[in-house]
Protein backbone atom coordinates (compact mmCIF):
# COMPACT_ATOMS: atom_id res chain seq x y z
CA MET A 1 30.75 -18.62 -24.52
CA SER A 2 30.37 -22.04 -22.88
CA ASP A 3 27.81 -20.58 -20.49
CA LEU A 4 25.63 -19.59 -23.44
CA PHE A 5 25.52 -23.21 -24.63
CA THR A 6 25.35 -25.25 -21.43
CA ASP A 7 21.73 -25.05 -20.21
CA LYS A 8 20.06 -25.03 -23.61
CA ILE A 9 22.27 -27.72 -25.06
CA LYS A 10 21.56 -30.14 -22.19
CA LEU A 11 17.81 -29.73 -22.63
CA ALA A 12 18.05 -29.90 -26.42
CA PHE A 13 20.23 -33.01 -26.35
CA ARG A 14 17.72 -34.75 -24.07
CA SER A 15 14.81 -33.69 -26.25
CA CYS A 16 16.00 -33.99 -29.85
CA GLN A 17 15.19 -37.01 -31.97
CA PHE A 18 16.60 -36.83 -35.45
CA HIS A 19 19.46 -34.69 -36.70
CA ILE A 20 22.10 -32.35 -35.30
CA GLN A 21 24.15 -29.89 -37.37
CA GLY A 22 26.56 -27.30 -36.11
CA ILE A 23 29.76 -25.28 -36.16
CA ILE A 24 31.67 -25.23 -32.86
CA PRO A 25 35.25 -24.55 -31.69
CA TYR A 26 37.19 -27.67 -30.78
CA HIS A 27 37.70 -26.66 -27.12
CA LEU A 28 33.98 -27.32 -26.52
CA LEU A 29 34.39 -30.98 -27.48
CA ASP A 30 35.37 -32.06 -23.97
CA GLU A 31 32.06 -30.76 -22.65
CA LEU A 32 29.92 -32.12 -25.50
CA SER A 33 31.66 -35.30 -26.65
CA VAL A 34 30.04 -37.70 -24.16
CA SER A 35 26.55 -36.38 -24.93
CA LEU A 36 27.23 -36.56 -28.66
CA PHE A 37 28.52 -40.10 -28.49
CA ASN A 38 25.53 -41.27 -26.41
CA LEU A 39 23.13 -39.70 -28.90
CA GLN A 40 24.84 -41.43 -31.80
CA THR A 41 24.48 -44.82 -30.14
CA LYS A 42 20.71 -44.17 -30.16
CA GLY A 43 20.73 -43.54 -33.89
CA ILE A 44 20.73 -39.74 -34.03
CA LEU A 45 22.52 -38.38 -37.09
CA ILE A 46 25.21 -35.83 -36.25
CA GLU A 47 27.10 -33.51 -38.61
CA LEU A 48 29.51 -31.10 -36.96
CA ILE A 49 32.21 -28.77 -38.24
CA ILE A 50 34.97 -28.32 -35.69
CA LEU A 51 36.87 -25.03 -35.99
CA MET A 52 40.52 -25.90 -35.31
CA GLU A 53 43.19 -23.44 -34.27
CA ASN A 54 46.52 -23.43 -36.06
CA GLU A 55 48.50 -25.37 -33.51
CA ASN A 56 49.40 -28.99 -32.76
CA LYS A 57 46.41 -30.96 -31.49
CA SER A 58 46.65 -33.09 -28.39
CA ILE A 59 46.12 -36.85 -28.51
CA LYS A 60 43.06 -36.35 -26.33
CA ILE A 61 41.41 -33.99 -28.85
CA THR A 62 42.30 -36.30 -31.75
CA ASN A 63 40.80 -39.31 -29.95
CA THR A 64 37.67 -37.32 -29.12
CA LEU A 65 37.15 -36.42 -32.79
CA LEU A 66 37.66 -40.02 -33.89
CA ARG A 67 35.35 -41.33 -31.16
CA ILE A 68 32.54 -39.07 -32.34
CA ALA A 69 33.20 -39.98 -35.97
CA VAL A 70 33.08 -43.73 -35.36
CA GLY A 71 29.78 -43.41 -33.44
CA GLY A 72 27.91 -42.28 -36.55
CA GLY A 73 27.38 -39.12 -38.51
CA GLN A 74 30.20 -37.05 -39.96
CA ILE A 75 32.74 -34.73 -38.36
CA TYR A 76 34.57 -32.09 -40.41
CA CYS A 77 37.59 -30.01 -39.46
CA SER A 78 38.25 -26.47 -40.61
CA SER A 79 41.10 -24.11 -39.84
CA ASP A 80 38.80 -21.14 -40.47
CA ASN A 81 38.56 -19.78 -36.94
CA GLU A 82 37.71 -16.16 -37.76
CA ASN A 83 34.22 -16.57 -36.25
CA LYS A 84 32.65 -14.97 -39.32
CA PHE A 85 30.10 -17.81 -39.42
CA GLY A 86 29.32 -17.73 -35.70
CA TYR A 87 29.03 -20.80 -33.52
CA PHE A 88 25.68 -22.53 -33.69
CA ILE A 89 23.98 -25.89 -33.30
CA ASN A 90 20.81 -26.67 -35.24
CA ILE A 91 18.71 -29.61 -34.04
CA ASP A 92 16.27 -31.21 -36.47
CA LYS A 93 15.80 -27.83 -38.21
CA LYS A 94 13.63 -26.69 -35.30
CA ILE A 95 15.97 -25.71 -32.49
CA HIS A 96 18.74 -23.16 -33.00
CA ILE A 97 21.41 -22.60 -30.37
CA SER A 98 23.79 -19.75 -31.14
CA ALA A 99 26.75 -18.37 -29.23
CA ASN A 100 25.72 -14.93 -30.46
CA GLU A 101 22.02 -15.08 -29.63
CA LEU A 102 20.36 -12.37 -27.60
CA THR A 103 18.81 -13.03 -24.21
CA ASN A 104 15.42 -11.71 -25.32
CA GLU A 105 15.29 -13.37 -28.71
CA ILE A 106 12.25 -12.57 -30.84
CA GLU A 107 10.53 -15.83 -31.73
CA THR A 108 9.68 -14.72 -35.28
CA ASN A 109 13.38 -14.47 -36.13
CA VAL A 110 14.19 -18.09 -35.26
CA LEU A 111 13.34 -19.56 -38.68
CA THR A 112 15.45 -16.95 -40.48
CA ARG A 113 18.40 -17.57 -38.17
CA ILE A 114 18.12 -21.33 -38.63
CA THR A 115 18.06 -20.93 -42.41
CA ASN A 116 21.11 -18.62 -42.35
CA GLY A 117 22.93 -21.01 -40.04
CA ILE A 118 22.34 -23.98 -42.36
CA LEU A 119 23.54 -21.98 -45.37
CA ASN A 120 26.71 -21.01 -43.48
CA PHE A 121 27.16 -24.65 -42.48
CA GLN A 122 26.94 -25.80 -46.11
CA ASP A 123 29.38 -23.11 -47.27
CA LEU A 124 31.98 -24.00 -44.67
CA LYS A 125 31.41 -27.73 -45.12
CA ALA A 126 32.54 -27.46 -48.78
CA GLU A 127 35.93 -26.15 -47.59
CA SER A 128 36.36 -28.48 -44.60
CA ILE A 129 38.15 -31.83 -44.32
CA PRO A 130 36.04 -34.86 -43.24
CA ILE A 131 37.38 -37.11 -40.50
CA VAL A 132 37.22 -40.72 -41.70
CA HIS A 133 37.31 -43.62 -39.27
CA GLN A 134 39.78 -46.16 -40.62
CA SER A 135 38.93 -49.27 -38.56
CA GLY A 136 37.18 -51.09 -41.41
CA ASN A 137 34.13 -51.77 -39.20
CA PRO A 138 30.69 -51.26 -40.75
CA GLN A 139 29.35 -47.75 -40.15
CA ILE A 140 25.60 -47.26 -39.71
CA HIS A 141 23.40 -44.15 -39.87
CA LEU A 142 19.87 -44.92 -38.63
CA THR A 143 17.08 -42.42 -37.99
CA ALA A 144 13.34 -42.58 -37.28
CA SER A 145 10.82 -39.97 -38.42
CA LYS A 146 9.34 -40.12 -34.89
CA GLU A 147 10.41 -41.81 -31.68
CA TRP A 148 7.24 -41.09 -29.68
CA VAL A 149 4.04 -41.89 -31.60
CA LYS A 150 0.41 -42.57 -30.86
CA THR A 151 -0.44 -46.27 -31.03
CA GLY A 152 -1.42 -47.26 -34.57
CA GLU A 153 0.54 -44.51 -36.36
CA LYS A 154 3.30 -45.16 -38.88
CA ILE A 155 6.92 -44.07 -38.75
CA THR A 156 9.65 -44.12 -41.37
CA LEU A 157 13.01 -45.70 -40.61
CA SER A 158 15.86 -44.40 -42.78
CA TRP A 159 19.36 -45.81 -42.92
CA GLU A 160 22.69 -45.68 -44.72
CA VAL A 161 25.40 -48.29 -44.13
CA PHE A 162 29.05 -48.22 -45.19
CA GLN A 163 31.62 -51.03 -45.44
CA ALA A 164 29.08 -53.84 -44.95
CA GLU A 165 28.28 -56.97 -46.93
CA SER A 166 24.95 -57.76 -45.22
CA VAL A 167 22.43 -55.50 -43.50
CA ILE A 168 19.51 -56.79 -41.39
CA LEU A 169 16.69 -54.88 -39.65
CA MET A 170 15.64 -56.44 -36.34
CA PRO A 171 13.22 -57.51 -34.86
CA LEU A 172 11.55 -57.69 -38.31
CA ASN A 173 14.42 -59.83 -39.60
CA LEU A 174 14.46 -58.04 -42.95
CA ARG A 175 17.47 -57.96 -45.25
CA LEU A 176 18.10 -54.38 -46.36
CA PRO A 177 20.02 -52.60 -49.11
CA PRO A 178 22.91 -50.38 -47.96
CA LYS A 179 20.69 -47.29 -48.17
CA GLY A 180 16.93 -46.84 -48.01
CA SER A 181 13.81 -46.29 -45.90
CA TYR A 182 10.97 -48.43 -44.57
CA ASP A 183 7.51 -47.57 -43.18
CA VAL A 184 6.42 -49.38 -40.02
CA GLN A 185 3.10 -49.23 -38.16
CA ILE A 186 3.67 -48.90 -34.42
CA ASN A 187 1.19 -50.88 -32.30
CA MET A 188 3.54 -51.45 -29.37
CA ASP A 189 6.94 -50.34 -28.08
CA TYR A 190 9.72 -51.37 -30.47
CA LEU A 191 13.50 -51.52 -30.18
CA PHE A 192 14.65 -51.41 -33.79
CA SER A 193 18.23 -52.25 -34.65
CA ILE A 194 20.25 -52.52 -37.83
CA GLN A 195 22.97 -55.15 -37.81
CA ALA A 196 25.70 -54.73 -40.44
CA GLN A 197 28.43 -57.30 -41.08
CA ASN A 198 31.57 -57.67 -43.17
CA ASP A 199 34.58 -59.97 -43.02
CA ASN A 200 36.14 -57.96 -40.19
CA ALA A 201 33.36 -57.17 -37.73
CA ILE A 202 29.67 -56.78 -36.90
CA SER A 203 28.21 -53.37 -36.02
CA GLU A 204 24.78 -52.50 -34.63
CA LYS A 205 22.75 -49.31 -34.30
CA ARG A 206 19.53 -49.11 -32.25
CA ILE A 207 16.46 -46.85 -31.99
CA PHE A 208 13.70 -47.22 -29.41
CA VAL A 209 10.19 -46.17 -30.51
CA LYS A 210 7.56 -45.57 -27.82
CA ALA A 211 3.87 -46.29 -28.58
CA LEU A 212 1.56 -43.95 -26.67
CA THR A 213 -2.15 -44.22 -25.99
CA SER A 214 -2.71 -40.48 -25.51
CA LEU A 215 -1.35 -37.14 -26.71
CA GLY A 216 0.16 -34.44 -24.51
CA LEU A 217 0.93 -34.87 -20.81
CA SER A 218 -2.03 -36.63 -19.20
CA PHE A 219 -2.85 -37.89 -15.71
CA SER A 220 -5.00 -40.84 -14.59
CA LEU A 221 -5.93 -41.42 -10.96
CA TYR A 222 -7.11 -44.65 -9.33
CA ILE A 223 -8.36 -45.13 -5.77
CA SER A 224 -8.57 -48.05 -3.35
CA THR A 225 -10.05 -48.34 0.16
CA ASP A 226 -10.34 -51.13 2.69
CA LYS A 227 -13.79 -51.98 1.30
CA LEU A 228 -12.55 -52.25 -2.30
CA LYS A 229 -10.70 -55.31 -3.57
CA ASP A 230 -8.84 -53.41 -6.28
CA TYR A 231 -8.16 -49.91 -7.64
CA ILE A 232 -10.98 -48.14 -9.46
CA PRO A 233 -10.78 -44.93 -11.58
CA LEU A 234 -11.23 -41.62 -9.77
CA HIS A 235 -12.28 -38.60 -11.83
CA ALA A 236 -11.75 -34.93 -11.07
CA HIS A 237 -14.57 -32.61 -10.11
CA PRO A 238 -16.72 -32.37 -13.28
CA GLU A 239 -16.51 -28.56 -13.42
CA ILE A 240 -13.10 -27.95 -11.82
CA PRO A 241 -10.23 -29.81 -13.60
CA PHE A 242 -7.45 -31.38 -11.51
CA HIS A 243 -9.44 -31.11 -8.26
CA TYR A 244 -10.15 -34.45 -6.57
CA ALA A 245 -12.31 -35.26 -3.55
CA ILE A 246 -11.02 -38.34 -1.72
CA PRO A 247 -12.19 -40.22 1.38
CA PRO A 248 -9.96 -40.43 4.46
CA ALA A 249 -7.41 -43.26 4.71
CA CYS A 250 -7.61 -44.17 1.01
CA HIS A 251 -4.81 -45.32 -1.27
CA LEU A 252 -4.16 -43.51 -4.56
CA ARG A 253 -2.28 -44.60 -7.65
CA LEU A 254 -1.37 -41.77 -10.02
CA TYR A 255 -0.34 -42.50 -13.63
CA TRP A 256 1.16 -39.93 -16.02
CA GLU A 257 2.08 -40.18 -19.70
CA ALA A 258 3.75 -37.82 -22.19
CA ASP A 259 3.88 -37.85 -25.98
CA ARG A 260 7.35 -36.37 -26.52
CA MET A 261 10.80 -36.14 -24.98
CA GLY A 262 11.18 -33.73 -22.10
CA ILE A 263 11.96 -33.27 -18.42
CA LEU A 264 9.20 -33.81 -15.85
CA ASN A 265 9.59 -32.61 -12.25
CA GLU A 266 7.33 -32.72 -9.23
CA GLU A 267 8.01 -30.14 -6.55
CA LYS A 268 8.66 -32.69 -3.76
CA TRP A 269 9.67 -35.76 -5.78
CA GLY A 270 12.20 -34.03 -8.02
CA GLU A 271 12.78 -35.29 -11.58
CA ILE A 272 10.65 -38.29 -12.55
CA PRO A 273 10.31 -40.35 -15.76
CA ALA A 274 8.12 -38.85 -18.47
CA ASN A 275 5.90 -41.94 -18.22
CA GLY A 276 5.17 -43.82 -15.01
CA PHE A 277 3.06 -44.11 -11.87
CA ARG A 278 3.35 -43.69 -8.11
CA ASP A 279 1.32 -44.91 -5.12
CA ILE A 280 0.50 -42.09 -2.73
CA GLN A 281 -1.59 -41.42 0.38
CA PHE A 282 -2.69 -38.12 1.90
CA LYS A 283 -3.68 -37.47 5.51
CA GLU A 284 -4.74 -33.87 4.84
CA ASP A 285 -5.64 -31.59 1.95
CA SER A 286 -2.63 -31.56 -0.38
CA SER A 287 -1.48 -30.76 -3.89
CA LEU A 288 1.13 -32.00 -6.38
CA HIS A 289 3.00 -29.46 -8.52
CA PHE A 290 4.28 -30.79 -11.87
CA THR A 291 6.58 -28.90 -14.27
CA TRP A 292 6.82 -30.35 -17.78
CA LYS A 293 9.67 -28.88 -19.84
CA THR A 294 10.30 -29.64 -23.51
CA ILE A 295 12.32 -27.82 -26.13
CA PHE A 296 9.08 -26.13 -27.21
CA GLU A 297 7.43 -25.10 -23.94
CA THR A 298 7.29 -25.24 -20.15
CA LYS A 299 3.96 -26.27 -18.64
CA ASN A 300 2.91 -26.22 -14.98
CA THR A 301 0.08 -28.45 -13.71
CA ILE A 302 -1.22 -28.62 -10.14
CA LEU A 303 -3.32 -31.54 -8.89
CA HIS A 304 -5.41 -30.71 -5.81
CA PHE A 305 -6.67 -33.31 -3.34
CA TYR A 306 -9.31 -32.63 -0.68
CA ILE A 307 -10.11 -35.01 2.18
CA LEU A 308 -13.86 -35.46 2.51
CA GLN A 309 -15.31 -35.57 6.00
CA GLU A 310 -18.59 -37.25 6.88
CA ASN A 311 -21.63 -35.61 5.26
CA GLN A 312 -19.34 -33.20 3.33
CA THR A 313 -19.63 -32.74 -0.44
CA LEU A 314 -18.04 -30.37 -2.92
CA PRO A 315 -20.59 -27.97 -4.48
CA SER A 316 -20.95 -27.52 -8.22
CA GLN A 317 -19.53 -24.51 -9.99
CA LYS A 318 -22.98 -22.85 -10.08
CA GLN A 319 -23.34 -23.32 -6.36
CA ALA A 320 -19.80 -22.13 -5.84
CA LYS A 321 -20.68 -18.77 -7.40
CA LYS A 322 -23.19 -18.29 -4.60
CA LEU A 323 -20.68 -19.34 -1.95
CA PRO A 324 -17.75 -16.89 -1.76
CA SER A 325 -16.39 -18.74 1.25
CA PHE A 326 -15.98 -21.89 -0.86
CA LEU A 327 -13.96 -20.00 -3.47
CA LYS A 328 -11.77 -18.61 -0.71
CA PHE A 329 -11.29 -22.19 0.43
CA PHE A 330 -9.71 -22.97 -2.95
CA GLU A 331 -7.67 -19.75 -3.04
CA LYS A 332 -5.98 -20.64 0.20
CA ARG A 333 -4.75 -23.91 -1.26
CA PRO A 334 -1.22 -23.84 -2.75
């Protein structure tokens, strides 16, 4: 069963933003506990029901449960291990990972399965025992309606704090009630944190919100030569997207930017940040192959670069229709 979870759960954990619910057997905790704890430190709300077998639990398992509980969210234990509910993890009511799912799952059934899973979760939750962290430290639940937004848009921060006498939202330096929400307009990158304090300790929970200037995965290319003092924008062929004509011995700077969490790979570079840039130089006709994978889709984009020789120009699309050899020139490119 672990094999059914592993690949999808890694991608989902890296891509989710808000809320995780699920019912899992306790022997999966060793594999998932580090990822769960890291997510909680970023403010993601987690509610899990752990199906416990009727036997003495090791100190390691007990510590793992308590570590997840203290990080935020709520962990419940149930001795109902008859598997009548099925194992599942639901992420933000959009992604459903089930130990019983079929390989060729029909997309139209996802919403129904998510709804059934949540109902099963609520039924079992009523019979389960919550794990309570007894340290006396303030406990903070902090979520954001979005973590990647277009510049100028608003997000809603929601929080709930337990065992605290004072609650402050930074960097706005606002005093907050123990539970509530607050709308914030995002004009730049923000690292929000809630600091909660009582007589015993101070706790903090953080969420980073990225302000983006474009939607989707976009590319911007700049070029510099020995005759230019600085980089200037370089646009693709007006009728053939992602095809660039460049002079010999030029320097290129490629920027890319994404609007949501995901995994971005380039065929030769391997995994790269979802937002960034790289300086490159080509000595011959070349291409860059990008694969952009999110929890919703996988998208492949190829950028083609052609070295222009003296007195050589790329024909327009209308001219290209009259020149079969030119089309074959493109078809031979990877």
